[in-house]
PDB file of N, CA and C in Angstrom:
ATOM      1  N   MET A   1     115.669 183.445 124.398  1.00  0.00           N
ATOM      2  CA  MET A   1     115.323 182.290 123.618  1.00  0.00           C
ATOM      3  C   MET A   1     116.485 181.312 123.565  1.00  0.00           C
ATOM      4  N   VAL A   2     117.662 181.768 123.240  1.00  0.00           N
ATOM      5  CA  VAL A   2     118.814 180.868 123.191  1.00  0.00           C
ATOM      6  C   VAL A   2     119.113 180.344 124.587  1.00  0.00           C
ATOM      7  N   TYR A   3     118.977 181.190 125.583  1.00  0.00           N
ATOM      8  CA  TYR A   3     119.249 180.797 126.958  1.00  0.00           C
ATOM      9  C   TYR A   3     118.335 179.655 127.406  1.00  0.00           C
ATOM     10  N   LEU A   4     117.087 179.666 126.954  1.00  0.00           N
ATOM     11  CA  LEU A   4     116.113 178.665 127.386  1.00  0.00           C
ATOM     12  C   LEU A   4     116.009 177.466 126.443  1.00  0.00           C
ATOM     13  N   ARG A   5     116.886 177.394 125.453  1.00  0.00           N
ATOM     14  CA  ARG A   5     116.838 176.269 124.519  1.00  0.00           C
ATOM     15  C   ARG A   5     116.973 174.958 125.293  1.00  0.00           C
ATOM     16  N   GLY A   6     116.122 173.998 124.975  1.00  0.00           N
ATOM     17  CA  GLY A   6     116.167 172.707 125.641  1.00  0.00           C
ATOM     18  C   GLY A   6     115.456 172.669 126.972  1.00  0.00           C
ATOM     19  N   VAL A   7     114.884 173.789 127.393  1.00  0.00           N
ATOM     20  CA  VAL A   7     114.167 173.847 128.667  1.00  0.00           C
ATOM     21  C   VAL A   7     112.677 173.930 128.370  1.00  0.00           C
ATOM     22  N   SER A   8     111.901 173.050 128.972  1.00  0.00           N
ATOM     23  CA  SER A   8     110.465 173.062 128.761  1.00  0.00           C
ATOM     24  C   SER A   8     109.869 174.322 129.375  1.00  0.00           C
ATOM     25  N   THR A   9     108.946 174.945 128.663  1.00  0.00           N
ATOM     26  CA  THR A   9     108.278 176.126 129.204  1.00  0.00           C
ATOM     27  C   THR A   9     107.076 175.728 130.048  1.00  0.00           C
ATOM     28  N   ILE A  10     106.738 174.449 130.018  1.00  0.00           N
ATOM     29  CA  ILE A  10     105.644 173.918 130.830  1.00  0.00           C
ATOM     30  C   ILE A  10     106.248 172.895 131.772  1.00  0.00           C
ATOM     31  N   ASN A  11     105.840 172.903 133.024  1.00  0.00           N
ATOM     32  CA  ASN A  11     106.379 171.967 134.005  1.00  0.00           C
ATOM     33  C   ASN A  11     105.884 170.560 133.681  1.00  0.00           C
ATOM     34  N   ARG A  12     106.755 169.748 133.070  1.00  0.00           N
ATOM     35  CA  ARG A  12     106.396 168.383 132.687  1.00  0.00           C
ATOM     36  C   ARG A  12     107.385 167.398 133.294  1.00  0.00           C
ATOM     37  N   GLU A  13     107.663 167.523 134.556  1.00  0.00           N
ATOM     38  CA  GLU A  13     108.661 166.678 135.191  1.00  0.00           C
ATOM     39  C   GLU A  13     108.273 165.199 135.153  1.00  0.00           C
ATOM     40  N   ASP A  14     106.964 164.913 135.099  1.00  0.00           N
ATOM     41  CA  ASP A  14     106.524 163.525 135.087  1.00  0.00           C
ATOM     42  C   ASP A  14     106.543 162.917 133.682  1.00  0.00           C
ATOM     43  N   GLU A  15     106.791 163.732 132.640  1.00  0.00           N
ATOM     44  CA  GLU A  15     106.835 163.234 131.275  1.00  0.00           C
ATOM     45  C   GLU A  15     108.280 163.218 130.779  1.00  0.00           C
ATOM     46  N   PRO A  16     108.703 162.106 130.174  1.00  0.00           N
ATOM     47  CA  PRO A  16     110.075 162.062 129.657  1.00  0.00           C
ATOM     48  C   PRO A  16     110.230 162.928 128.405  1.00  0.00           C
ATOM     49  N   TRP A  17     111.440 163.434 128.180  1.00  0.00           N
ATOM     50  CA  TRP A  17     111.741 164.174 126.960  1.00  0.00           C
ATOM     51  C   TRP A  17     111.745 163.196 125.799  1.00  0.00           C
ATOM     52  N   PRO A  18     111.310 163.623 124.646  1.00  0.00           N
ATOM     53  CA  PRO A  18     111.358 162.725 123.484  1.00  0.00           C
ATOM     54  C   PRO A  18     112.814 162.449 123.094  1.00  0.00           C
ATOM     55  N   GLU A  19     113.017 161.330 122.409  1.00  0.00           N
ATOM     56  CA  GLU A  19     114.375 160.995 121.972  1.00  0.00           C
ATOM     57  C   GLU A  19     114.887 161.997 120.949  1.00  0.00           C
ATOM     58  N   GLU A  20     114.002 162.483 120.092  1.00  0.00           N
ATOM     59  CA  GLU A  20     114.369 163.472 119.086  1.00  0.00           C
ATOM     60  C   GLU A  20     113.603 164.756 119.384  1.00  0.00           C
ATOM     61  N   LEU A  21     114.305 165.868 119.392  1.00  0.00           N
ATOM     62  CA  LEU A  21     113.677 167.150 119.692  1.00  0.00           C
ATOM     63  C   LEU A  21     114.056 168.146 118.606  1.00  0.00           C
ATOM     64  N   VAL A  22     113.058 168.775 118.021  1.00  0.00           N
ATOM     65  CA  VAL A  22     113.286 169.819 117.022  1.00  0.00           C
ATOM     66  C   VAL A  22     112.657 171.090 117.566  1.00  0.00           C
ATOM     67  N   GLU A  23     113.472 172.098 117.762  1.00  0.00           N
ATOM     68  CA  GLU A  23     112.964 173.368 118.278  1.00  0.00           C
ATOM     69  C   GLU A  23     112.742 174.324 117.115  1.00  0.00           C
ATOM     70  N   LEU A  24     111.553 174.907 117.075  1.00  0.00           N
ATOM     71  CA  LEU A  24     111.174 175.811 115.992  1.00  0.00           C
ATOM     72  C   LEU A  24     110.724 177.136 116.602  1.00  0.00           C
ATOM     73  N   PRO A  25     111.636 178.076 116.748  1.00  0.00           N
ATOM     74  CA  PRO A  25     111.250 179.361 117.353  1.00  0.00           C
ATOM     75  C   PRO A  25     110.331 180.162 116.439  1.00  0.00           C
ATOM     76  N   VAL A  26     109.283 180.717 117.036  1.00  0.00           N
ATOM     77  CA  VAL A  26     108.283 181.476 116.282  1.00  0.00           C
ATOM     78  C   VAL A  26     107.960 182.759 117.040  1.00  0.00           C
ATOM     79  N   ILE A  27     107.853 183.850 116.313  1.00  0.00           N
ATOM     80  CA  ILE A  27     107.366 185.113 116.862  1.00  0.00           C
ATOM     81  C   ILE A  27     105.976 185.326 116.271  1.00  0.00           C
ATOM     82  N   VAL A  28     104.977 185.494 117.130  1.00  0.00           N
ATOM     83  CA  VAL A  28     103.612 185.749 116.665  1.00  0.00           C
ATOM     84  C   VAL A  28     103.279 187.205 116.968  1.00  0.00           C
ATOM     85  N   CYS A  29     102.943 187.952 115.915  1.00  0.00           N
ATOM     86  CA  CYS A  29     102.600 189.381 116.040  1.00  0.00           C
ATOM     87  C   CYS A  29     101.088 189.555 115.888  1.00  0.00           C
ATOM     88  N   ASN A  30     100.563 190.633 116.443  1.00  0.00           N
ATOM     89  CA  ASN A  30      99.143 190.932 116.221  1.00  0.00           C
ATOM     90  C   ASN A  30      98.855 191.023 114.728  1.00  0.00           C
ATOM     91  N   ASP A  31      99.679 191.786 114.036  1.00  0.00           N
ATOM     92  CA  ASP A  31      99.560 191.936 112.586  1.00  0.00           C
ATOM     93  C   ASP A  31     100.854 192.555 112.062  1.00  0.00           C
ATOM     94  N   PHE A  32     100.928 192.705 110.763  1.00  0.00           N
ATOM     95  CA  PHE A  32     102.126 193.287 110.144  1.00  0.00           C
ATOM     96  C   PHE A  32     101.903 194.741 109.727  1.00  0.00           C
ATOM     97  N   SER A  33     100.894 195.390 110.258  1.00  0.00           N
ATOM     98  CA  SER A  33     100.528 196.730 109.792  1.00  0.00           C
ATOM     99  C   SER A  33     101.639 197.764 109.967  1.00  0.00           C
ATOM    100  N   SER A  34     102.526 197.568 110.916  1.00  0.00           N
ATOM    101  CA  SER A  34     103.607 198.546 111.092  1.00  0.00           C
ATOM    102  C   SER A  34     104.974 197.946 110.764  1.00  0.00           C
ATOM    103  N   MET A  35     104.980 196.859 109.984  1.00  0.00           N
ATOM    104  CA  MET A  35     106.253 196.249 109.580  1.00  0.00           C
ATOM    105  C   MET A  35     106.494 196.476 108.097  1.00  0.00           C
ATOM    106  N   TRP A  36     107.731 196.839 107.802  1.00  0.00           N
ATOM    107  CA  TRP A  36     108.126 197.141 106.436  1.00  0.00           C
ATOM    108  C   TRP A  36     109.388 196.360 106.105  1.00  0.00           C
ATOM    109  N   ARG A  37     109.601 196.130 104.817  1.00  0.00           N
ATOM    110  CA  ARG A  37     110.804 195.442 104.377  1.00  0.00           C
ATOM    111  C   ARG A  37     111.490 196.268 103.296  1.00  0.00           C
ATOM    112  N   THR A  38     112.773 196.025 103.170  1.00  0.00           N
ATOM    113  CA  THR A  38     113.534 196.642 102.094  1.00  0.00           C
ATOM    114  C   THR A  38     114.669 195.706 101.720  1.00  0.00           C
ATOM    115  N   ASP A  39     115.142 195.820 100.519  1.00  0.00           N
ATOM    116  CA  ASP A  39     116.259 195.017 100.044  1.00  0.00           C
ATOM    117  C   ASP A  39     117.518 195.849 100.246  1.00  0.00           C
ATOM    118  N   VAL A  40     118.419 195.378 101.073  1.00  0.00           N
ATOM    119  CA  VAL A  40     119.618 196.163 101.374  1.00  0.00           C
ATOM    120  C   VAL A  40     120.545 196.275 100.177  1.00  0.00           C
ATOM    121  N   ASP A  41     120.370 195.413  99.182  1.00  0.00           N
ATOM    122  CA  ASP A  41     121.233 195.452  98.000  1.00  0.00           C
ATOM    123  C   ASP A  41     120.659 196.280  96.862  1.00  0.00           C
ATOM    124  N   GLY A  42     119.440 196.754  97.002  1.00  0.00           N
ATOM    125  CA  GLY A  42     118.823 197.460  95.889  1.00  0.00           C
ATOM    126  C   GLY A  42     118.303 198.824  96.276  1.00  0.00           C
ATOM    127  N   PRO A  43     117.939 199.607  95.292  1.00  0.00           N
ATOM    128  CA  PRO A  43     117.439 200.966  95.548  1.00  0.00           C
ATOM    129  C   PRO A  43     115.930 201.026  95.771  1.00  0.00           C
ATOM    130  N   GLU A  44     115.264 199.871  95.883  1.00  0.00           N
ATOM    131  CA  GLU A  44     113.809 199.863  96.001  1.00  0.00           C
ATOM    132  C   GLU A  44     113.342 200.607  97.257  1.00  0.00           C
ATOM    133  N   GLU A  45     112.142 201.105  97.167  1.00  0.00           N
ATOM    134  CA  GLU A  45     111.499 201.725  98.317  1.00  0.00           C
ATOM    135  C   GLU A  45     111.070 200.633  99.298  1.00  0.00           C
ATOM    136  N   ALA A  46     110.921 200.990 100.533  1.00  0.00           N
ATOM    137  CA  ALA A  46     110.416 200.050 101.528  1.00  0.00           C
ATOM    138  C   ALA A  46     108.983 199.672 101.173  1.00  0.00           C
ATOM    139  N   SER A  47     108.631 198.410 101.416  1.00  0.00           N
ATOM    140  CA  SER A  47     107.271 197.957 101.137  1.00  0.00           C
ATOM    141  C   SER A  47     106.703 197.265 102.378  1.00  0.00           C
ATOM    142  N   ARG A  48     105.408 197.310 102.480  1.00  0.00           N
ATOM    143  CA  ARG A  48     104.722 196.733 103.640  1.00  0.00           C
ATOM    144  C   ARG A  48     104.842 195.205 103.599  1.00  0.00           C
ATOM    145  N   ILE A  49     105.060 194.602 104.754  1.00  0.00           N
ATOM    146  CA  ILE A  49     105.100 193.148 104.871  1.00  0.00           C
ATOM    147  C   ILE A  49     103.672 192.653 105.011  1.00  0.00           C
ATOM    148  N   GLU A  50     103.302 191.657 104.199  1.00  0.00           N
ATOM    149  CA  GLU A  50     101.951 191.129 104.243  1.00  0.00           C
ATOM    150  C   GLU A  50     101.906 189.643 104.583  1.00  0.00           C
ATOM    151  N   ASP A  51     103.017 188.941 104.387  1.00  0.00           N
ATOM    152  CA  ASP A  51     103.040 187.501 104.592  1.00  0.00           C
ATOM    153  C   ASP A  51     104.058 187.117 105.659  1.00  0.00           C
ATOM    154  N   CYS A  52     103.892 185.915 106.182  1.00  0.00           N
ATOM    155  CA  CYS A  52     104.848 185.379 107.145  1.00  0.00           C
ATOM    156  C   CYS A  52     106.244 185.405 106.525  1.00  0.00           C
ATOM    157  N   PHE A  53     107.250 185.516 107.366  1.00  0.00           N
ATOM    158  CA  PHE A  53     108.616 185.530 106.851  1.00  0.00           C
ATOM    159  C   PHE A  53     109.557 184.913 107.876  1.00  0.00           C
ATOM    160  N   MET A  54     110.768 184.656 107.430  1.00  0.00           N
ATOM    161  CA  MET A  54     111.795 184.120 108.325  1.00  0.00           C
ATOM    162  C   MET A  54     112.830 185.205 108.580  1.00  0.00           C
ATOM    163  N   LEU A  55     113.253 185.291 109.810  1.00  0.00           N
ATOM    164  CA  LEU A  55     114.250 186.265 110.222  1.00  0.00           C
ATOM    165  C   LEU A  55     115.542 185.509 110.516  1.00  0.00           C
ATOM    166  N   ASP A  56     116.606 185.889 109.857  1.00  0.00           N
ATOM    167  CA  ASP A  56     117.910 185.261 110.051  1.00  0.00           C
ATOM    168  C   ASP A  56     118.609 185.943 111.220  1.00  0.00           C
ATOM    169  N   VAL A  57     118.940 185.169 112.249  1.00  0.00           N
ATOM    170  CA  VAL A  57     119.556 185.715 113.456  1.00  0.00           C
ATOM    171  C   VAL A  57     120.996 185.225 113.541  1.00  0.00           C
ATOM    172  N   ASP A  58     121.909 186.145 113.626  1.00  0.00           N
ATOM    173  CA  ASP A  58     123.324 185.853 113.800  1.00  0.00           C
ATOM    174  C   ASP A  58     123.654 186.240 115.235  1.00  0.00           C
ATOM    175  N   TYR A  59     123.862 185.237 116.090  1.00  0.00           N
ATOM    176  CA  TYR A  59     123.919 185.460 117.531  1.00  0.00           C
ATOM    177  C   TYR A  59     125.278 185.043 118.076  1.00  0.00           C
ATOM    178  N   ALA A  60     125.951 185.937 118.764  1.00  0.00           N
ATOM    179  CA  ALA A  60     127.248 185.644 119.373  1.00  0.00           C
ATOM    180  C   ALA A  60     127.173 185.971 120.865  1.00  0.00           C
ATOM    181  N   TYR A  61     127.784 185.102 121.673  1.00  0.00           N
ATOM    182  CA  TYR A  61     127.752 185.298 123.119  1.00  0.00           C
ATOM    183  C   TYR A  61     128.878 184.509 123.763  1.00  0.00           C
ATOM    184  N   LEU A  62     129.092 184.711 125.047  1.00  0.00           N
ATOM    185  CA  LEU A  62     130.057 183.931 125.816  1.00  0.00           C
ATOM    186  C   LEU A  62     129.321 182.813 126.536  1.00  0.00           C
ATOM    187  N   SER A  63     129.838 181.592 126.429  1.00  0.00           N
ATOM    188  CA  SER A  63     129.232 180.464 127.125  1.00  0.00           C
ATOM    189  C   SER A  63     129.490 180.593 128.620  1.00  0.00           C
ATOM    190  N   GLN A  64     128.874 179.733 129.398  1.00  0.00           N
ATOM    191  CA  GLN A  64     129.085 179.748 130.849  1.00  0.00           C
ATOM    192  C   GLN A  64     130.530 179.429 131.187  1.00  0.00           C
ATOM    193  N   GLN A  65     131.222 178.758 130.269  1.00  0.00           N
ATOM    194  CA  GLN A  65     132.639 178.444 130.482  1.00  0.00           C
ATOM    195  C   GLN A  65     133.552 179.565 129.988  1.00  0.00           C
ATOM    196  N   GLY A  66     132.963 180.650 129.478  1.00  0.00           N
ATOM    197  CA  GLY A  66     133.733 181.793 129.017  1.00  0.00           C
ATOM    198  C   GLY A  66     134.219 181.682 127.578  1.00  0.00           C
ATOM    199  N   ARG A  67     133.753 180.667 126.843  1.00  0.00           N
ATOM    200  CA  ARG A  67     134.147 180.507 125.440  1.00  0.00           C
ATOM    201  C   ARG A  67     133.229 181.327 124.542  1.00  0.00           C
ATOM    202  N   ARG A  68     133.793 181.810 123.453  1.00  0.00           N
ATOM    203  CA  ARG A  68     132.987 182.527 122.467  1.00  0.00           C
ATOM    204  C   ARG A  68     132.162 181.518 121.678  1.00  0.00           C
ATOM    205  N   VAL A  69     130.886 181.829 121.534  1.00  0.00           N
ATOM    206  CA  VAL A  69     129.972 180.971 120.790  1.00  0.00           C
ATOM    207  C   VAL A  69     129.302 181.816 119.723  1.00  0.00           C
ATOM    208  N   HIS A  70     129.203 181.263 118.521  1.00  0.00           N
ATOM    209  CA  HIS A  70     128.552 181.952 117.420  1.00  0.00           C
ATOM    210  C   HIS A  70     127.508 181.017 116.833  1.00  0.00           C
ATOM    211  N   GLU A  71     126.272 181.462 116.783  1.00  0.00           N
ATOM    212  CA  GLU A  71     125.194 180.649 116.250  1.00  0.00           C
ATOM    213  C   GLU A  71     124.406 181.440 115.224  1.00  0.00           C
ATOM    214  N   ASN A  72     123.879 180.722 114.261  1.00  0.00           N
ATOM    215  CA  ASN A  72     123.031 181.319 113.250  1.00  0.00           C
ATOM    216  C   ASN A  72     121.765 180.474 113.177  1.00  0.00           C
ATOM    217  N   PHE A  73     120.605 181.093 113.279  1.00  0.00           N
ATOM    218  CA  PHE A  73     119.365 180.340 113.214  1.00  0.00           C
ATOM    219  C   PHE A  73     118.261 181.207 112.618  1.00  0.00           C
ATOM    220  N   LEU A  74     117.172 180.566 112.276  1.00  0.00           N
ATOM    221  CA  LEU A  74     116.036 181.241 111.667  1.00  0.00           C
ATOM    222  C   LEU A  74     114.867 181.287 112.636  1.00  0.00           C
ATOM    223  N   LEU A  75     114.172 182.401 112.631  1.00  0.00           N
ATOM    224  CA  LEU A  75     112.934 182.577 113.404  1.00  0.00           C
ATOM    225  C   LEU A  75     111.797 182.780 112.412  1.00  0.00           C
ATOM    226  N   ASP A  76     110.708 182.067 112.607  1.00  0.00           N
ATOM    227  CA  ASP A  76     109.512 182.343 111.814  1.00  0.00           C
ATOM    228  C   ASP A  76     108.776 183.500 112.458  1.00  0.00           C
ATOM    229  N   VAL A  77     108.335 184.448 111.645  1.00  0.00           N
ATOM    230  CA  VAL A  77     107.538 185.583 112.130  1.00  0.00           C
ATOM    231  C   VAL A  77     106.172 185.460 111.464  1.00  0.00           C
ATOM    232  N   VAL A  78     105.125 185.365 112.291  1.00  0.00           N
ATOM    233  CA  VAL A  78     103.783 185.058 111.815  1.00  0.00           C
ATOM    234  C   VAL A  78     102.802 186.074 112.389  1.00  0.00           C
ATOM    235  N   ALA A  79     101.910 186.565 111.546  1.00  0.00           N
ATOM    236  CA  ALA A  79     100.819 187.423 112.025  1.00  0.00           C
ATOM    237  C   ALA A  79      99.727 186.525 112.593  1.00  0.00           C
ATOM    238  N   PHE A  80      99.061 186.995 113.632  1.00  0.00           N
ATOM    239  CA  PHE A  80      98.061 186.183 114.320  1.00  0.00           C
ATOM    240  C   PHE A  80      96.989 185.655 113.370  1.00  0.00           C
ATOM    241  N   ASP A  81      96.547 186.489 112.427  1.00  0.00           N
ATOM    242  CA  ASP A  81      95.485 186.041 111.511  1.00  0.00           C
ATOM    243  C   ASP A  81      95.982 185.013 110.497  1.00  0.00           C
ATOM    244  N   GLN A  82      97.291 184.785 110.420  1.00  0.00           N
ATOM    245  CA  GLN A  82      97.865 183.779 109.519  1.00  0.00           C
ATOM    246  C   GLN A  82      98.363 182.551 110.288  1.00  0.00           C
ATOM    247  N   LEU A  83      98.109 182.524 111.582  1.00  0.00           N
ATOM    248  CA  LEU A  83      98.633 181.459 112.434  1.00  0.00           C
ATOM    249  C   LEU A  83      98.081 180.083 112.054  1.00  0.00           C
ATOM    250  N   GLN A  84      96.799 179.992 111.763  1.00  0.00           N
ATOM    251  CA  GLN A  84      96.197 178.699 111.411  1.00  0.00           C
ATOM    252  C   GLN A  84      96.843 178.122 110.148  1.00  0.00           C
ATOM    253  N   SER A  85      97.047 178.951 109.156  1.00  0.00           N
ATOM    254  CA  SER A  85      97.700 178.512 107.923  1.00  0.00           C
ATOM    255  C   SER A  85      99.143 178.083 108.193  1.00  0.00           C
ATOM    256  N   PHE A  86      99.842 178.855 109.000  1.00  0.00           N
ATOM    257  CA  PHE A  86     101.224 178.522 109.361  1.00  0.00           C
ATOM    258  C   PHE A  86     101.290 177.171 110.065  1.00  0.00           C
ATOM    259  N   LEU A  87     100.357 176.920 110.985  1.00  0.00           N
ATOM    260  CA  LEU A  87     100.342 175.654 111.713  1.00  0.00           C
ATOM    261  C   LEU A  87     100.063 174.482 110.776  1.00  0.00           C
ATOM    262  N   GLY A  88      99.258 174.703 109.746  1.00  0.00           N
ATOM    263  CA  GLY A  88      99.015 173.660 108.752  1.00  0.00           C
ATOM    264  C   GLY A  88     100.287 173.285 108.018  1.00  0.00           C
ATOM    265  N   VAL A  89     101.048 174.283 107.620  1.00  0.00           N
ATOM    266  CA  VAL A  89     102.340 174.033 106.958  1.00  0.00           C
ATOM    267  C   VAL A  89     103.299 173.350 107.921  1.00  0.00           C
ATOM    268  N   LEU A  90     103.279 173.779 109.169  1.00  0.00           N
ATOM    269  CA  LEU A  90     104.142 173.184 110.185  1.00  0.00           C
ATOM    270  C   LEU A  90     103.815 171.704 110.386  1.00  0.00           C
ATOM    271  N   ASP A  91     102.525 171.346 110.379  1.00  0.00           N
ATOM    272  CA  ASP A  91     102.123 169.938 110.481  1.00  0.00           C
ATOM    273  C   ASP A  91     102.719 169.121 109.345  1.00  0.00           C
ATOM    274  N   GLU A  92     102.701 169.675 108.142  1.00  0.00           N
ATOM    275  CA  GLU A  92     103.284 168.978 106.995  1.00  0.00           C
ATOM    276  C   GLU A  92     104.795 168.803 107.192  1.00  0.00           C
ATOM    277  N   ASP A  93     105.455 169.841 107.687  1.00  0.00           N
ATOM    278  CA  ASP A  93     106.898 169.760 107.935  1.00  0.00           C
ATOM    279  C   ASP A  93     107.214 168.701 108.995  1.00  0.00           C
ATOM    280  N   VAL A  94     106.381 168.618 110.023  1.00  0.00           N
ATOM    281  CA  VAL A  94     106.591 167.629 111.084  1.00  0.00           C
ATOM    282  C   VAL A  94     106.478 166.218 110.504  1.00  0.00           C
ATOM    283  N   ASP A  95     105.514 166.001 109.629  1.00  0.00           N
ATOM    284  CA  ASP A  95     105.371 164.685 109.000  1.00  0.00           C
ATOM    285  C   ASP A  95     106.626 164.319 108.211  1.00  0.00           C
ATOM    286  N   VAL A  96     107.199 165.264 107.493  1.00  0.00           N
ATOM    287  CA  VAL A  96     108.430 165.010 106.744  1.00  0.00           C
ATOM    288  C   VAL A  96     109.578 164.702 107.702  1.00  0.00           C
ATOM    289  N   MET A  97     109.683 165.470 108.791  1.00  0.00           N
ATOM    290  CA  MET A  97     110.743 165.218 109.772  1.00  0.00           C
ATOM    291  C   MET A  97     110.610 163.837 110.403  1.00  0.00           C
ATOM    292  N   LYS A  98     109.389 163.435 110.715  1.00  0.00           N
ATOM    293  CA  LYS A  98     109.164 162.106 111.290  1.00  0.00           C
ATOM    294  C   LYS A  98     109.647 161.021 110.344  1.00  0.00           C
ATOM    295  N   GLN A  99     109.366 161.195 109.075  1.00  0.00           N
ATOM    296  CA  GLN A  99     109.816 160.195 108.096  1.00  0.00           C
ATOM    297  C   GLN A  99     111.341 160.125 108.044  1.00  0.00           C
ATOM    298  N   GLN A 100     112.004 161.263 108.175  1.00  0.00           N
ATOM    299  CA  GLN A 100     113.471 161.282 108.149  1.00  0.00           C
ATOM    300  C   GLN A 100     114.082 160.716 109.431  1.00  0.00           C
ATOM    301  N   ILE A 101     113.482 161.019 110.557  1.00  0.00           N
ATOM    302  CA  ILE A 101     114.034 160.594 111.850  1.00  0.00           C
ATOM    303  C   ILE A 101     113.765 159.114 112.112  1.00  0.00           C
ATOM    304  N   PHE A 102     112.570 158.655 111.803  1.00  0.00           N
ATOM    305  CA  PHE A 102     112.176 157.293 112.165  1.00  0.00           C
ATOM    306  C   PHE A 102     112.162 156.355 110.965  1.00  0.00           C
ATOM    307  N   ARG A 103     113.185 156.406 110.165  1.00  0.00           N
ATOM    308  CA  ARG A 103     113.294 155.510 109.005  1.00  0.00           C
ATOM    309  C   ARG A 103     113.452 154.090 109.443  1.00  0.00           C
TER     310      ARG A 103
END
């Protein structure tokens, strides 16, 4: 995912890239039936995940120039049956971003 950042996954050589690009990585799962969560700071028992969530990724690697790079980003994790609702929220977020970018 990080390696392909900024690269179109669809061959659109005849279409120009937009001036502003916001990348929103998403993992879509069949369902959350085998996913569990726990609070690492508390003694609570693990509980089943039922709603979409964000996964915090702390990613370190060497650049092509051999420099150390450290990135932190969020991934949305969505169950397939919640995808339509997630896309509705995403549409609202896009409208807010447009207002901020194209003032």
